[in-house]
Amino acid sequence: MPAALDALASLRERWRASATPVPVVAPVPTPWRGVRVRLAETWQLFPQSALDAVIPCPAVSRIPGTRPFVMGVASWQGGLIPVLSGECLFGLADAPGPARGYALVVRRRGFHFALTTAELRGPLTLAEEAFTESIPPTAPRAEWCSGSVEFGGQVLAVVDIDRLLSDPRLSDTVLPRPCSEESLS
């Protein structure tokens, strides 16, 4: 038995002596990917990780009694998806115009919707080091932005979908009913 243990120890020592060390590989930085979207006359960035798809604006069926930024519902991939007006939501228009351009389909935490935009550019790939925590003063909804990046001579705000979805304006899309004298009595 001791001979077998000695042979095993000898084999282990020979293996350690002949083994090559594992090379140390520097971590590869993951680039940020997204699209540049024009909302409320301002270019902003949307992360690709927040988008399910970018589609042409679908035909929309209006839902009566909803806030102006709710354009209605559309058929997409065999189901219905709410369509929100990017121009209304980001504060440029009081009422949505006709659906034109593109729709960014967002799927997050059980909330699935499309956000319309007239113009988009992309895809973009940027280094993570290019981003800053500061939010440009030209951002129409600064509370929905997580930072900014300089691109093409402009400082572009980065829209954080989680911040947008946590806004209480999106949780209640029903228009408030006007108070009538009958309801007061």
C-alpha atoms as a PDB file:
ATOM      1  CA  MET A   1       0.000   0.000   0.000  1.00  0.00           C
ATOM      2  CA  PRO A   2       2.781   2.527   0.792  1.00  0.00           C
ATOM      3  CA  ALA A   3       4.282   1.840  -2.643  1.00  0.00           C
ATOM      4  CA  ALA A   4       1.002   2.810  -4.323  1.00  0.00           C
ATOM      5  CA  LEU A   5       0.803   6.042  -2.308  1.00  0.00           C
ATOM      6  CA  ASP A   6       4.429   6.841  -3.172  1.00  0.00           C
ATOM      7  CA  ALA A   7       3.702   6.234  -6.860  1.00  0.00           C
ATOM      8  CA  LEU A   8       0.641   8.515  -6.679  1.00  0.00           C
ATOM      9  CA  ALA A   9       2.673  11.272  -4.965  1.00  0.00           C
ATOM     10  CA  SER A  10       5.427  10.884  -7.588  1.00  0.00           C
ATOM     11  CA  LEU A  11       2.858  11.112 -10.384  1.00  0.00           C
ATOM     12  CA  ARG A  12       1.357  14.254  -8.826  1.00  0.00           C
ATOM     13  CA  GLU A  13       4.804  15.909  -8.588  1.00  0.00           C
ATOM     14  CA  ARG A  14       5.631  15.088 -12.217  1.00  0.00           C
ATOM     15  CA  TRP A  15       2.277  16.527 -13.331  1.00  0.00           C
ATOM     16  CA  ARG A  16       2.881  19.788 -11.384  1.00  0.00           C
ATOM     17  CA  ALA A  17       6.358  20.133 -12.881  1.00  0.00           C
ATOM     18  CA  SER A  18       5.155  19.621 -16.458  1.00  0.00           C
ATOM     19  CA  ALA A  19       1.885  21.585 -16.254  1.00  0.00           C
ATOM     20  CA  THR A  20       1.822  24.968 -17.934  1.00  0.00           C
ATOM     21  CA  PRO A  21       0.209  27.786 -15.981  1.00  0.00           C
ATOM     22  CA  VAL A  22      -3.132  29.102 -17.161  1.00  0.00           C
ATOM     23  CA  PRO A  23      -2.604  32.401 -18.964  1.00  0.00           C
ATOM     24  CA  VAL A  24      -4.159  35.438 -17.325  1.00  0.00           C
ATOM     25  CA  VAL A  25      -6.604  37.026 -19.741  1.00  0.00           C
ATOM     26  CA  ALA A  26      -7.519  40.661 -19.269  1.00  0.00           C
ATOM     27  CA  PRO A  27     -11.284  41.203 -19.100  1.00  0.00           C
ATOM     28  CA  VAL A  28     -12.711  42.472 -22.349  1.00  0.00           C
ATOM     29  CA  PRO A  29     -14.916  45.525 -21.819  1.00  0.00           C
ATOM     30  CA  THR A  30     -18.421  45.052 -23.136  1.00  0.00           C
ATOM     31  CA  PRO A  31     -19.455  47.878 -25.432  1.00  0.00           C
ATOM     32  CA  TRP A  32     -22.738  49.727 -24.963  1.00  0.00           C
ATOM     33  CA  ARG A  33     -25.184  49.129 -27.789  1.00  0.00           C
ATOM     34  CA  GLY A  34     -28.254  51.166 -28.572  1.00  0.00           C
ATOM     35  CA  VAL A  35     -30.125  53.393 -30.985  1.00  0.00           C
ATOM     36  CA  ARG A  36     -30.304  57.145 -31.380  1.00  0.00           C
ATOM     37  CA  VAL A  37     -33.917  58.327 -31.276  1.00  0.00           C
ATOM     38  CA  ARG A  38     -35.355  61.772 -31.946  1.00  0.00           C
ATOM     39  CA  LEU A  39     -38.035  62.562 -29.348  1.00  0.00           C
ATOM     40  CA  ALA A  40     -39.393  66.034 -28.614  1.00  0.00           C
ATOM     41  CA  GLU A  41     -36.994  67.550 -31.174  1.00  0.00           C
ATOM     42  CA  THR A  42     -34.003  66.195 -29.217  1.00  0.00           C
ATOM     43  CA  TRP A  43     -31.755  63.245 -30.034  1.00  0.00           C
ATOM     44  CA  GLN A  44     -31.544  60.730 -27.194  1.00  0.00           C
ATOM     45  CA  LEU A  45     -30.084  57.265 -26.762  1.00  0.00           C
ATOM     46  CA  PHE A  46     -32.038  54.121 -25.926  1.00  0.00           C
ATOM     47  CA  PRO A  47     -30.106  51.030 -24.815  1.00  0.00           C
ATOM     48  CA  GLN A  48     -30.515  48.004 -27.059  1.00  0.00           C
ATOM     49  CA  SER A  49     -30.954  45.795 -23.980  1.00  0.00           C
ATOM     50  CA  ALA A  50     -34.238  47.592 -23.198  1.00  0.00           C
ATOM     51  CA  LEU A  51     -35.696  47.119 -26.677  1.00  0.00           C
ATOM     52  CA  ASP A  52     -37.428  43.995 -27.881  1.00  0.00           C
ATOM     53  CA  ALA A  53     -37.697  45.238 -31.468  1.00  0.00           C
ATOM     54  CA  VAL A  54     -37.824  48.297 -33.697  1.00  0.00           C
ATOM     55  CA  ILE A  55     -40.779  48.098 -36.077  1.00  0.00           C
ATOM     56  CA  PRO A  56     -42.553  50.399 -38.530  1.00  0.00           C
ATOM     57  CA  CYS A  57     -45.428  52.211 -36.814  1.00  0.00           C
ATOM     58  CA  PRO A  58     -48.338  49.779 -36.731  1.00  0.00           C
ATOM     59  CA  ALA A  59     -51.980  50.612 -37.391  1.00  0.00           C
ATOM     60  CA  VAL A  60     -53.430  51.780 -34.078  1.00  0.00           C
ATOM     61  CA  SER A  61     -56.957  51.429 -32.665  1.00  0.00           C
ATOM     62  CA  ARG A  62     -57.694  54.345 -30.350  1.00  0.00           C
ATOM     63  CA  ILE A  63     -58.916  53.658 -26.799  1.00  0.00           C
ATOM     64  CA  PRO A  64     -61.452  56.256 -25.652  1.00  0.00           C
ATOM     65  CA  GLY A  65     -60.911  57.818 -22.243  1.00  0.00           C
ATOM     66  CA  THR A  66     -57.131  57.499 -22.090  1.00  0.00           C
ATOM     67  CA  ARG A  67     -54.514  60.184 -21.597  1.00  0.00           C
ATOM     68  CA  PRO A  68     -53.198  61.965 -24.707  1.00  0.00           C
ATOM     69  CA  PHE A  69     -49.905  60.071 -24.803  1.00  0.00           C
ATOM     70  CA  VAL A  70     -51.766  56.738 -25.210  1.00  0.00           C
ATOM     71  CA  MET A  71     -52.328  56.363 -28.938  1.00  0.00           C
ATOM     72  CA  GLY A  72     -54.179  53.047 -28.573  1.00  0.00           C
ATOM     73  CA  VAL A  73     -53.434  49.387 -29.154  1.00  0.00           C
ATOM     74  CA  ALA A  74     -51.926  47.623 -32.139  1.00  0.00           C
ATOM     75  CA  SER A  75     -51.600  44.039 -33.244  1.00  0.00           C
ATOM     76  CA  TRP A  76     -48.066  42.722 -32.938  1.00  0.00           C
ATOM     77  CA  GLN A  77     -46.848  39.111 -33.050  1.00  0.00           C
ATOM     78  CA  GLY A  78     -50.336  37.713 -32.603  1.00  0.00           C
ATOM     79  CA  GLY A  79     -51.253  39.850 -29.598  1.00  0.00           C
ATOM     80  CA  LEU A  80     -52.188  43.392 -28.661  1.00  0.00           C
ATOM     81  CA  ILE A  81     -49.616  45.928 -27.558  1.00  0.00           C
ATOM     82  CA  PRO A  82     -50.246  49.433 -26.161  1.00  0.00           C
ATOM     83  CA  VAL A  83     -48.779  52.185 -28.325  1.00  0.00           C
ATOM     84  CA  LEU A  84     -47.567  55.379 -26.633  1.00  0.00           C
ATOM     85  CA  SER A  85     -46.736  58.595 -28.469  1.00  0.00           C
ATOM     86  CA  GLY A  86     -43.099  59.514 -27.902  1.00  0.00           C
ATOM     87  CA  GLU A  87     -43.779  63.156 -28.766  1.00  0.00           C
ATOM     88  CA  CYS A  88     -46.581  63.444 -26.175  1.00  0.00           C
ATOM     89  CA  LEU A  89     -44.830  61.412 -23.512  1.00  0.00           C
ATOM     90  CA  PHE A  90     -41.649  63.451 -23.778  1.00  0.00           C
ATOM     91  CA  GLY A  91     -43.573  66.715 -23.740  1.00  0.00           C
ATOM     92  CA  LEU A  92     -43.436  68.123 -27.260  1.00  0.00           C
ATOM     93  CA  ALA A  93     -47.066  67.710 -28.306  1.00  0.00           C
ATOM     94  CA  ASP A  94     -50.344  67.997 -26.410  1.00  0.00           C
ATOM     95  CA  ALA A  95     -52.072  65.372 -28.528  1.00  0.00           C
ATOM     96  CA  PRO A  96     -50.614  62.576 -30.625  1.00  0.00           C
ATOM     97  CA  GLY A  97     -50.544  63.014 -34.353  1.00  0.00           C
ATOM     98  CA  PRO A  98     -50.899  60.200 -36.824  1.00  0.00           C
ATOM     99  CA  ALA A  99     -48.602  57.240 -36.236  1.00  0.00           C
ATOM    100  CA  ARG A 100     -45.582  57.672 -38.475  1.00  0.00           C
ATOM    101  CA  GLY A 101     -42.005  56.543 -38.474  1.00  0.00           C
ATOM    102  CA  TYR A 102     -41.046  53.763 -36.116  1.00  0.00           C
ATOM    103  CA  ALA A 103     -42.110  52.147 -32.878  1.00  0.00           C
ATOM    104  CA  LEU A 104     -39.642  50.963 -30.249  1.00  0.00           C
ATOM    105  CA  VAL A 105     -41.070  47.827 -28.635  1.00  0.00           C
ATOM    106  CA  VAL A 106     -40.098  47.671 -24.967  1.00  0.00           C
ATOM    107  CA  ARG A 107     -40.576  44.601 -22.770  1.00  0.00           C
ATOM    108  CA  ARG A 108     -39.736  45.138 -19.105  1.00  0.00           C
ATOM    109  CA  ARG A 109     -40.981  43.633 -15.848  1.00  0.00           C
ATOM    110  CA  GLY A 110     -44.276  42.525 -17.296  1.00  0.00           C
ATOM    111  CA  PHE A 111     -44.871  45.820 -19.070  1.00  0.00           C
ATOM    112  CA  HIS A 112     -44.874  45.492 -22.841  1.00  0.00           C
ATOM    113  CA  PHE A 113     -45.512  48.576 -25.001  1.00  0.00           C
ATOM    114  CA  ALA A 114     -44.446  50.405 -28.149  1.00  0.00           C
ATOM    115  CA  LEU A 115     -43.134  53.979 -28.142  1.00  0.00           C
ATOM    116  CA  THR A 116     -43.464  55.902 -31.411  1.00  0.00           C
ATOM    117  CA  THR A 117     -40.760  58.090 -32.880  1.00  0.00           C
ATOM    118  CA  ALA A 118     -40.588  59.880 -36.193  1.00  0.00           C
ATOM    119  CA  GLU A 119     -36.856  59.400 -36.643  1.00  0.00           C
ATOM    120  CA  LEU A 120     -34.144  57.043 -35.423  1.00  0.00           C
ATOM    121  CA  ARG A 121     -30.541  56.237 -36.270  1.00  0.00           C
ATOM    122  CA  GLY A 122     -28.464  53.288 -35.324  1.00  0.00           C
ATOM    123  CA  PRO A 123     -27.426  50.834 -34.215  1.00  0.00           C
ATOM    124  CA  LEU A 124     -24.651  52.443 -32.198  1.00  0.00           C
ATOM    125  CA  THR A 125     -21.791  50.786 -30.372  1.00  0.00           C
ATOM    126  CA  LEU A 126     -19.997  52.964 -27.830  1.00  0.00           C
ATOM    127  CA  ALA A 127     -17.379  52.348 -25.154  1.00  0.00           C
ATOM    128  CA  GLU A 128     -18.657  52.333 -21.554  1.00  0.00           C
ATOM    129  CA  GLU A 129     -15.941  54.863 -20.641  1.00  0.00           C
ATOM    130  CA  ALA A 130     -17.590  57.469 -22.892  1.00  0.00           C
ATOM    131  CA  PHE A 131     -20.639  57.772 -20.599  1.00  0.00           C
ATOM    132  CA  THR A 132     -20.945  60.298 -17.793  1.00  0.00           C
ATOM    133  CA  GLU A 133     -23.426  60.648 -14.944  1.00  0.00           C
ATOM    134  CA  SER A 134     -24.322  64.221 -15.922  1.00  0.00           C
ATOM    135  CA  ILE A 135     -27.596  64.804 -17.731  1.00  0.00           C
ATOM    136  CA  PRO A 136     -27.677  67.478 -20.445  1.00  0.00           C
ATOM    137  CA  PRO A 137     -30.005  70.412 -19.788  1.00  0.00           C
ATOM    138  CA  THR A 138     -31.616  69.914 -23.205  1.00  0.00           C
ATOM    139  CA  ALA A 139     -33.077  66.529 -22.211  1.00  0.00           C
ATOM    140  CA  PRO A 140     -36.882  66.878 -22.274  1.00  0.00           C
ATOM    141  CA  ARG A 141     -37.444  64.426 -19.402  1.00  0.00           C
ATOM    142  CA  ALA A 142     -34.273  64.568 -17.332  1.00  0.00           C
ATOM    143  CA  GLU A 143     -35.827  62.438 -14.579  1.00  0.00           C
ATOM    144  CA  TRP A 144     -35.937  59.505 -17.025  1.00  0.00           C
ATOM    145  CA  CYS A 145     -32.257  59.783 -18.003  1.00  0.00           C
ATOM    146  CA  SER A 146     -29.341  57.932 -16.445  1.00  0.00           C
ATOM    147  CA  GLY A 147     -26.499  59.957 -17.927  1.00  0.00           C
ATOM    148  CA  SER A 148     -25.110  61.262 -21.178  1.00  0.00           C
ATOM    149  CA  VAL A 149     -22.501  60.670 -23.828  1.00  0.00           C
ATOM    150  CA  GLU A 150     -20.856  62.930 -26.388  1.00  0.00           C
ATOM    151  CA  PHE A 151     -21.522  61.701 -29.901  1.00  0.00           C
ATOM    152  CA  GLY A 152     -21.086  63.541 -33.184  1.00  0.00           C
ATOM    153  CA  GLY A 153     -20.430  66.888 -31.498  1.00  0.00           C
ATOM    154  CA  GLN A 154     -23.612  66.658 -29.399  1.00  0.00           C
ATOM    155  CA  VAL A 155     -24.213  65.627 -25.802  1.00  0.00           C
ATOM    156  CA  LEU A 156     -26.974  63.010 -25.899  1.00  0.00           C
ATOM    157  CA  ALA A 157     -29.064  61.930 -22.921  1.00  0.00           C
ATOM    158  CA  VAL A 158     -29.355  58.195 -22.237  1.00  0.00           C
ATOM    159  CA  VAL A 159     -32.948  57.190 -21.439  1.00  0.00           C
ATOM    160  CA  ASP A 160     -33.260  54.684 -18.593  1.00  0.00           C
ATOM    161  CA  ILE A 161     -36.308  52.500 -19.290  1.00  0.00           C
ATOM    162  CA  ASP A 162     -36.608  51.469 -15.623  1.00  0.00           C
ATOM    163  CA  ARG A 163     -36.859  55.127 -14.561  1.00  0.00           C
ATOM    164  CA  LEU A 164     -39.406  55.797 -17.283  1.00  0.00           C
ATOM    165  CA  LEU A 165     -41.548  52.853 -16.138  1.00  0.00           C
ATOM    166  CA  SER A 166     -41.368  53.868 -12.478  1.00  0.00           C
ATOM    167  CA  ASP A 167     -42.938  57.259 -13.262  1.00  0.00           C
ATOM    168  CA  PRO A 168     -46.463  57.438 -11.788  1.00  0.00           C
ATOM    169  CA  ARG A 169     -47.803  59.038 -14.990  1.00  0.00           C
ATOM    170  CA  LEU A 170     -47.472  55.705 -16.760  1.00  0.00           C
ATOM    171  CA  SER A 171     -49.243  53.700 -14.071  1.00  0.00           C
ATOM    172  CA  ASP A 172     -52.578  55.464 -14.594  1.00  0.00           C
ATOM    173  CA  THR A 173     -53.450  56.146 -18.214  1.00  0.00           C
ATOM    174  CA  VAL A 174     -57.151  56.846 -17.655  1.00  0.00           C
ATOM    175  CA  LEU A 175     -58.300  60.432 -18.024  1.00  0.00           C
ATOM    176  CA  PRO A 176     -59.672  61.856 -14.777  1.00  0.00           C
ATOM    177  CA  ARG A 177     -63.441  62.256 -14.912  1.00  0.00           C
ATOM    178  CA  PRO A 178     -64.696  65.804 -14.556  1.00  0.00           C
ATOM    179  CA  CYS A 179     -66.452  66.409 -11.275  1.00  0.00           C
ATOM    180  CA  SER A 180     -70.213  66.766 -11.765  1.00  0.00           C
ATOM    181  CA  GLU A 181     -72.774  68.195  -9.378  1.00  0.00           C
ATOM    182  CA  GLU A 182     -74.549  64.823  -9.201  1.00  0.00           C
ATOM    183  CA  SER A 183     -71.450  63.072  -7.870  1.00  0.00           C
ATOM    184  CA  LEU A 184     -71.060  65.669  -5.115  1.00  0.00           C
ATOM    185  CA  SER A 185     -74.510  65.111  -3.607  1.00  0.00           C
END
